[in-house]
Amino acid sequence: MTLTIIDTFGFLFRNFYALPPLKSKDGFPTGMITGFLNFIASLGKEFETDYLVFTLD
């Protein structure tokens, strides 16, 4: 059994500052969410894990 623990705020802020300012049609900023969802999708390709835990501090 493999458990992967993710520092959620760390990745959200990293995506917010690392990605260009992405916005929806209404002007709502979506870069942080888009980057985080892409990160989650890539986890399955990089790591073999049974469980994911997303922590917030």
Protein backbone atom coordinates (compact mmCIF):
# COMPACT_ATOMS: atom_id res chain seq x y z
CA MET A 1 0.00 0.00 0.00
CA THR A 2 1.36 3.41 -1.00
CA LEU A 3 0.12 6.68 0.48
CA THR A 4 0.99 10.00 -1.17
CA ILE A 5 0.49 13.20 0.83
CA ILE A 6 0.14 16.45 -1.13
CA ASP A 7 0.70 19.93 0.33
CA THR A 8 -2.33 21.47 -1.37
CA PHE A 9 -1.67 25.14 -0.57
CA GLY A 10 1.92 24.80 -1.73
CA PHE A 11 0.88 23.57 -5.15
CA LEU A 12 -1.99 26.06 -5.46
CA PHE A 13 0.31 29.02 -4.83
CA ARG A 14 3.02 27.59 -7.05
CA ASN A 15 0.51 27.32 -9.90
CA PHE A 16 -0.85 30.81 -9.22
CA TYR A 17 2.56 32.44 -9.59
CA ALA A 18 4.13 30.10 -12.16
CA LEU A 19 1.37 30.07 -14.75
CA PRO A 20 0.29 32.98 -16.93
CA PRO A 21 -2.92 34.67 -15.76
CA LEU A 22 -5.63 32.38 -17.12
CA LYS A 23 -9.22 33.63 -16.99
CA SER A 24 -12.64 32.27 -17.88
CA LYS A 25 -14.97 33.98 -20.36
CA ASP A 26 -16.46 35.93 -17.46
CA GLY A 27 -13.04 37.15 -16.32
CA PHE A 28 -12.80 34.83 -13.31
CA PRO A 29 -9.16 33.82 -12.64
CA THR A 30 -8.74 30.08 -13.25
CA GLY A 31 -4.97 29.58 -13.52
CA MET A 32 -4.56 28.23 -9.99
CA ILE A 33 -7.35 25.66 -10.38
CA THR A 34 -6.33 24.64 -13.89
CA GLY A 35 -2.72 24.10 -12.88
CA PHE A 36 -3.69 22.10 -9.80
CA LEU A 37 -6.05 19.84 -11.77
CA ASN A 38 -3.34 19.24 -14.38
CA PHE A 39 -0.97 18.34 -11.54
CA ILE A 40 -3.47 15.81 -10.13
CA ALA A 41 -3.91 14.27 -13.58
CA SER A 42 -0.13 13.91 -13.95
CA LEU A 43 0.26 12.16 -10.58
CA GLY A 44 -1.02 8.88 -12.00
CA LYS A 45 1.62 8.96 -14.71
CA GLU A 46 4.54 9.74 -12.39
CA PHE A 47 3.74 7.76 -9.25
CA GLU A 48 2.16 4.43 -8.50
CA THR A 49 0.05 5.21 -5.45
CA ASP A 50 -2.93 3.57 -3.81
CA TYR A 51 -4.15 6.59 -1.86
CA LEU A 52 -3.87 10.36 -2.24
CA VAL A 53 -4.23 12.69 0.73
CA PHE A 54 -4.57 16.44 0.13
CA THR A 55 -3.60 18.46 3.19
CA LEU A 56 -4.41 22.07 4.02
CA ASP A 57 -2.63 24.03 6.70
